[in-house]
Amino acid sequence: MPQGVEDFFWLVPPEVRLIVISSNVTVRGGFRVPNRAPDNPLKIVGADRQTSVIFGTEDERWTVNHSIADNAKWKYGAVSVLADATVHVSDLTSLNPRGYHISGYARRSILHVSRCRLVDSRAGDNNNSDGFIGAEGSSITDSFISTGDDAIKVYRDITISNVTIEQRRNGAPIQFGWGGDCGHAHATIENLTIRGVSRDQHYNMAPLTWESGSSGARDVTIRGLNVETNGKLWDGKRGCWIPLGLLKLNPSSCTMNLTIADAKVGALADGTFLTKGSIVVNGRMLQ
């Protein structure tokens, strides 16, 4: 696609039902999906998850350098579902998107991602390359995420299964909210692996983070959690580094009901949880 700020993205027409990216093919561009009827889902399919690639840019901080508003950065990704539509993305790699990887913020932007790699290989910690978010009913399965910001956002009802996430210095592997009224969401998570890869073992977020919110609730069930992350967490309120914990649940006006079974977290501490609700890890009541 042309290199212009907007021309780089193809607005996929509704008559297109299937996009196939062959093996050893790199698409330099992004797909934007407007409104589609419920009986007209779009499929974006790679022939090989390693070599069928949607590529964004070599440039770091692309959205910042091009003055993209914070609430619009998701529209500049590999796949951006702009309105109500169902989109299936499978067997490909999203590499170094200009903005987020695969996103949909509309009320019925339902995304199903399977057997994909969402990767940011650029240097720097502020590329705003958030991984995955979709509307109620979305899912991500059998996938790998190693990116420069939040990996998966649990803002609506979602299913996560057989996903491995590399945690960088910036961003949370699982992010539950970033301010305002966070609504009510249910998440079912199975076989989630989180590996810390920050070179100095310093992190801005915990593996499971709810940064802020004025209201809202999350009901989350995790069956099978393996966390291989240790180090220090930045405490913005105190302005210092503290031992990293599994949880960072900040908003005291929100409610978290979290049950984790078959968790392996090594020597990782429990972390902080200021939210209301209940937290149970391997049968142990934390709150």
Protein backbone atom coordinates (compact mmCIF):
# COMPACT_ATOMS: atom_id res chain seq x y z
CA MET A 1 0.00 0.00 0.00
CA PRO A 2 1.12 3.63 -0.41
CA GLN A 3 3.12 5.03 2.49
CA GLY A 4 0.72 7.89 3.31
CA VAL A 5 -0.71 8.15 6.82
CA GLU A 6 -4.17 7.06 5.64
CA ASP A 7 -3.43 5.55 2.19
CA PHE A 8 -1.48 2.75 3.87
CA PHE A 9 -4.76 1.10 4.90
CA TRP A 10 -7.25 -0.77 2.72
CA LEU A 11 -10.91 -0.30 3.64
CA VAL A 12 -12.10 -3.83 2.89
CA PRO A 13 -15.40 -3.73 0.93
CA PRO A 14 -18.26 -5.96 2.12
CA GLU A 15 -18.22 -8.08 -1.05
CA VAL A 16 -14.73 -9.33 -0.07
CA ARG A 17 -15.24 -12.35 2.18
CA LEU A 18 -11.78 -13.96 2.15
CA ILE A 19 -8.25 -12.56 2.07
CA VAL A 20 -5.41 -15.10 1.75
CA ILE A 21 -1.75 -14.25 2.36
CA SER A 22 0.43 -16.95 0.86
CA SER A 23 3.61 -18.38 2.34
CA ASN A 24 6.67 -16.10 2.10
CA VAL A 25 4.48 -13.08 1.34
CA THR A 26 4.64 -9.80 3.26
CA VAL A 27 1.77 -7.32 2.96
CA ARG A 28 3.06 -3.83 3.68
CA GLY A 29 -0.15 -2.18 4.75
CA GLY A 30 -3.12 -2.64 7.04
CA PHE A 31 -6.72 -3.75 6.77
CA ARG A 32 -9.59 -1.59 7.99
CA VAL A 33 -12.98 -3.26 8.26
CA PRO A 34 -16.16 -1.15 8.12
CA ASN A 35 -19.66 -2.33 9.03
CA ARG A 36 -20.57 -5.82 7.80
CA ALA A 37 -23.81 -7.78 8.17
CA PRO A 38 -23.68 -10.57 10.79
CA ASP A 39 -24.08 -13.21 8.06
CA ASN A 40 -21.12 -11.81 6.12
CA PRO A 41 -17.99 -12.40 8.24
CA LEU A 42 -14.55 -11.57 6.88
CA LYS A 43 -11.70 -14.07 6.99
CA ILE A 44 -8.05 -13.00 6.77
CA VAL A 45 -6.00 -16.18 6.47
CA GLY A 46 -2.30 -16.86 6.16
CA ALA A 47 -0.87 -19.98 4.59
CA ASP A 48 2.00 -20.06 7.12
CA ARG A 49 1.95 -18.34 10.50
CA GLN A 50 5.70 -17.63 10.29
CA THR A 51 6.00 -16.31 6.74
CA SER A 52 2.54 -14.91 5.92
CA VAL A 53 3.09 -11.40 7.30
CA ILE A 54 1.20 -8.13 7.70
CA PHE A 55 3.96 -5.55 8.17
CA GLY A 56 3.67 -1.99 9.42
CA THR A 57 6.88 0.01 9.78
CA GLU A 58 10.51 -0.05 10.86
CA ASP A 59 10.00 3.27 12.66
CA GLU A 60 9.69 3.43 16.43
CA ARG A 61 6.89 5.49 18.04
CA TRP A 62 5.09 5.85 14.70
CA THR A 63 1.79 7.02 16.19
CA VAL A 64 3.50 9.62 18.39
CA ASN A 65 5.70 10.89 15.58
CA HIS A 66 2.63 11.31 13.35
CA SER A 67 0.53 13.00 16.07
CA ILE A 68 -2.11 10.28 16.18
CA ALA A 69 -4.55 10.86 19.04
CA ASP A 70 -4.43 8.30 21.84
CA ASN A 71 -8.00 7.17 21.21
CA ALA A 72 -7.28 6.64 17.49
CA LYS A 73 -4.02 4.68 17.62
CA TRP A 74 -5.88 1.39 17.31
CA LYS A 75 -7.11 2.39 13.84
CA TYR A 76 -3.54 2.28 12.50
CA GLY A 77 -2.86 -1.40 13.10
CA ALA A 78 -2.60 -4.58 11.07
CA VAL A 79 -6.34 -5.26 11.34
CA SER A 80 -8.67 -2.55 12.64
CA VAL A 81 -12.40 -3.33 12.85
CA LEU A 82 -13.96 0.11 12.66
CA ALA A 83 -17.63 -0.83 13.13
CA ASP A 84 -19.90 -3.78 13.85
CA ALA A 85 -18.45 -6.78 12.00
CA THR A 86 -17.22 -10.31 12.63
CA VAL A 87 -13.61 -10.94 11.54
CA HIS A 88 -11.56 -14.14 11.71
CA VAL A 89 -7.75 -13.81 11.54
CA SER A 90 -5.66 -16.97 11.44
CA ASP A 91 -2.25 -18.47 10.65
CA LEU A 92 -0.26 -15.29 10.10
CA THR A 93 2.15 -12.85 11.73
CA SER A 94 1.43 -9.21 12.49
CA LEU A 95 4.85 -7.54 12.60
CA ASN A 96 5.66 -4.02 13.79
CA PRO A 97 2.28 -2.38 13.18
CA ARG A 98 2.14 1.39 12.95
CA GLY A 99 -0.33 1.32 15.84
CA TYR A 100 -2.06 -1.62 17.52
CA HIS A 101 -1.98 -5.17 16.12
CA ILE A 102 -5.57 -6.51 15.90
CA SER A 103 -8.34 -4.38 17.40
CA GLY A 104 -12.04 -3.67 17.42
CA TYR A 105 -13.72 -1.19 19.76
CA ALA A 106 -17.23 -1.04 18.28
CA ARG A 107 -20.09 -2.59 20.25
CA ARG A 108 -20.22 -5.64 17.96
CA SER A 109 -16.70 -5.76 16.51
CA ILE A 110 -16.22 -9.48 17.14
CA LEU A 111 -12.71 -10.78 16.49
CA HIS A 112 -11.55 -14.39 16.47
CA VAL A 113 -7.76 -14.73 16.29
CA SER A 114 -6.19 -18.16 16.05
CA ARG A 115 -2.70 -19.53 15.42
CA CYS A 116 -1.21 -16.05 15.00
CA ARG A 117 1.94 -14.23 16.06
CA LEU A 118 1.66 -10.59 17.17
CA VAL A 119 5.23 -9.32 17.31
CA ASP A 120 7.01 -5.99 17.74
CA SER A 121 10.71 -6.50 16.99
CA ARG A 122 11.65 -2.81 17.09
CA ALA A 123 13.75 -1.22 19.80
CA GLY A 124 12.18 1.15 22.28
CA ASP A 125 9.45 0.78 24.89
CA ASN A 126 6.78 3.16 23.57
CA ASN A 127 5.66 1.91 20.18
CA ASN A 128 1.99 1.70 21.26
CA SER A 129 1.75 -1.71 19.61
CA ASP A 130 -1.05 -3.09 21.79
CA GLY A 131 -1.90 -6.67 20.88
CA PHE A 132 -5.56 -7.73 20.90
CA ILE A 133 -8.96 -6.38 21.87
CA GLY A 134 -12.43 -7.24 20.63
CA ALA A 135 -16.08 -6.88 21.53
CA GLU A 136 -18.18 -9.30 23.54
CA GLY A 137 -17.84 -12.81 22.15
CA SER A 138 -14.29 -12.36 20.83
CA SER A 139 -11.53 -14.92 21.27
CA ILE A 140 -7.81 -15.48 20.85
CA THR A 141 -6.42 -19.01 20.78
CA ASP A 142 -3.19 -20.89 20.05
CA SER A 143 -1.25 -17.66 19.57
CA PHE A 144 1.98 -15.90 20.57
CA ILE A 145 2.31 -12.23 21.57
CA SER A 146 5.56 -10.33 22.06
CA THR A 147 4.81 -6.66 21.70
CA GLY A 148 5.63 -3.23 23.09
CA ASP A 149 2.45 -2.49 25.04
CA ASP A 150 -0.55 -4.26 26.56
CA ALA A 151 -0.86 -7.74 25.04
CA ILE A 152 -4.56 -8.54 25.61
CA LYS A 153 -7.22 -6.15 26.89
CA VAL A 154 -10.08 -7.71 28.81
CA TYR A 155 -12.65 -4.94 28.45
CA ARG A 156 -15.51 -7.12 27.15
CA ASP A 157 -16.50 -10.79 27.42
CA ILE A 158 -13.61 -12.75 25.92
CA THR A 159 -12.13 -16.23 25.66
CA ILE A 160 -8.35 -16.77 25.78
CA SER A 161 -6.88 -20.24 25.25
CA ASN A 162 -3.36 -21.62 24.71
CA VAL A 163 -1.68 -18.23 24.45
CA THR A 164 1.95 -17.39 25.27
CA ILE A 165 2.87 -13.77 26.03
CA GLU A 166 6.33 -12.29 26.37
CA GLN A 167 6.19 -9.41 28.83
CA ARG A 168 8.33 -6.42 27.90
CA ARG A 169 9.15 -3.49 30.16
CA ASN A 170 6.13 -1.51 29.00
CA GLY A 171 2.56 -2.76 29.06
CA ALA A 172 0.67 -5.53 30.80
CA PRO A 173 0.25 -9.05 29.44
CA ILE A 174 -3.40 -8.95 30.59
CA GLN A 175 -4.87 -5.47 31.02
CA PHE A 176 -8.31 -5.08 32.64
CA GLY A 177 -8.81 -1.33 32.38
CA TRP A 178 -7.21 2.06 31.90
CA GLY A 179 -9.66 4.56 33.37
CA GLY A 180 -13.25 5.75 33.34
CA ASP A 181 -16.26 3.47 33.58
CA CYS A 182 -14.83 0.07 32.72
CA GLY A 183 -18.17 -1.71 32.32
CA HIS A 184 -18.72 -5.36 33.25
CA ALA A 185 -16.80 -8.13 31.49
CA HIS A 186 -16.38 -11.89 31.86
CA ALA A 187 -13.20 -13.66 30.78
CA THR A 188 -12.46 -17.37 30.51
CA ILE A 189 -8.74 -18.11 30.22
CA GLU A 190 -7.10 -21.51 29.78
CA ASN A 191 -3.43 -22.42 29.49
CA LEU A 192 -1.88 -18.97 29.61
CA THR A 193 1.92 -18.60 29.75
CA ILE A 194 3.62 -15.29 30.56
CA ARG A 195 7.40 -14.93 30.24
CA GLY A 196 9.28 -11.84 31.34
CA VAL A 197 11.87 -10.72 28.80
CA SER A 198 12.88 -7.27 30.06
CA ARG A 199 16.68 -7.24 29.99
CA ASP A 200 17.01 -5.51 33.36
CA GLN A 201 13.94 -7.25 34.86
CA HIS A 202 12.18 -3.93 35.39
CA TYR A 203 8.49 -3.66 34.47
CA ASN A 204 5.86 -0.92 34.38
CA MET A 205 2.97 -3.37 34.89
CA ALA A 206 2.28 -6.65 36.64
CA PRO A 207 1.37 -9.75 34.61
CA LEU A 208 -2.31 -9.14 35.51
CA THR A 209 -3.01 -5.40 35.75
CA TRP A 210 -6.03 -3.13 36.23
CA GLU A 211 -4.41 0.28 36.12
CA SER A 212 -7.34 2.59 36.83
CA GLY A 213 -11.09 3.02 36.59
CA SER A 214 -13.94 4.91 38.20
CA SER A 215 -16.34 1.95 38.15
CA GLY A 216 -16.71 -1.47 36.56
CA ALA A 217 -16.38 -5.18 37.26
CA ARG A 218 -14.42 -8.15 35.94
CA ASP A 219 -15.33 -11.79 36.49
CA VAL A 220 -12.29 -13.83 35.45
CA THR A 221 -11.61 -17.57 35.57
CA ILE A 222 -8.13 -18.86 34.73
CA ARG A 223 -7.44 -22.59 34.45
CA GLY A 224 -3.74 -23.16 33.87
CA LEU A 225 -1.38 -20.21 34.41
CA ASN A 226 2.39 -20.35 34.09
CA VAL A 227 4.26 -17.14 34.91
CA GLU A 228 8.02 -17.01 34.38
CA THR A 229 8.61 -13.39 35.35
CA ASN A 230 10.56 -11.86 38.22
CA GLY A 231 12.08 -8.49 38.95
CA LYS A 232 10.95 -5.01 39.91
CA LEU A 233 7.72 -3.08 39.32
CA TRP A 234 7.57 0.71 39.01
CA ASP A 235 5.32 2.20 41.71
CA GLY A 236 4.20 5.54 40.31
CA LYS A 237 2.60 6.72 43.56
CA ARG A 238 5.74 6.22 45.60
CA GLY A 239 8.13 6.96 42.76
CA CYS A 240 10.30 3.90 43.29
CA TRP A 241 10.81 0.28 42.24
CA ILE A 242 9.16 -2.45 44.31
CA PRO A 243 9.21 -6.25 44.02
CA LEU A 244 7.08 -7.46 41.13
CA GLY A 245 3.89 -9.30 42.04
CA LEU A 246 1.36 -11.29 40.04
CA LEU A 247 -1.39 -8.69 40.45
CA LYS A 248 -1.67 -4.94 40.17
CA LEU A 249 -5.35 -4.11 40.69
CA ASN A 250 -5.50 -0.41 41.49
CA PRO A 251 -9.06 1.00 41.25
CA SER A 252 -10.72 0.77 44.66
CA SER A 253 -14.13 1.68 43.19
CA CYS A 254 -14.07 -1.35 40.84
CA THR A 255 -14.78 -5.03 41.51
CA MET A 256 -12.62 -7.99 40.55
CA ASN A 257 -13.79 -11.58 41.05
CA LEU A 258 -10.77 -13.68 40.02
CA THR A 259 -10.28 -17.41 40.39
CA ILE A 260 -7.03 -19.03 39.23
CA ALA A 261 -6.55 -22.80 39.31
CA ASP A 262 -3.37 -24.71 38.48
CA ALA A 263 -1.18 -21.62 38.73
CA LYS A 264 2.61 -21.84 38.63
CA VAL A 265 4.18 -18.50 39.50
CA GLY A 266 7.48 -19.48 41.11
CA ALA A 267 8.57 -17.09 43.84
CA LEU A 268 6.43 -14.24 42.47
CA ALA A 269 4.61 -12.33 45.21
CA ASP A 270 0.84 -11.86 45.20
CA GLY A 271 1.13 -8.18 44.32
CA THR A 272 -1.36 -5.42 45.13
CA PHE A 273 -5.16 -5.56 44.91
CA LEU A 274 -7.14 -2.52 46.00
CA THR A 275 -10.27 -3.56 44.12
CA LYS A 276 -13.33 -4.98 45.80
CA GLY A 277 -14.43 -8.57 45.22
CA SER A 278 -12.72 -11.93 45.68
CA ILE A 279 -9.35 -13.29 44.57
CA VAL A 280 -8.56 -17.00 44.86
CA VAL A 281 -5.29 -18.57 43.61
CA ASN A 282 -4.89 -22.35 43.80
CA GLY A 283 -7.63 -22.51 46.40
CA ARG A 284 -5.98 -19.82 48.55
CA MET A 285 -8.18 -16.83 49.32
CA LEU A 286 -6.18 -13.63 48.89
CA GLN A 287 -9.14 -11.32 49.31
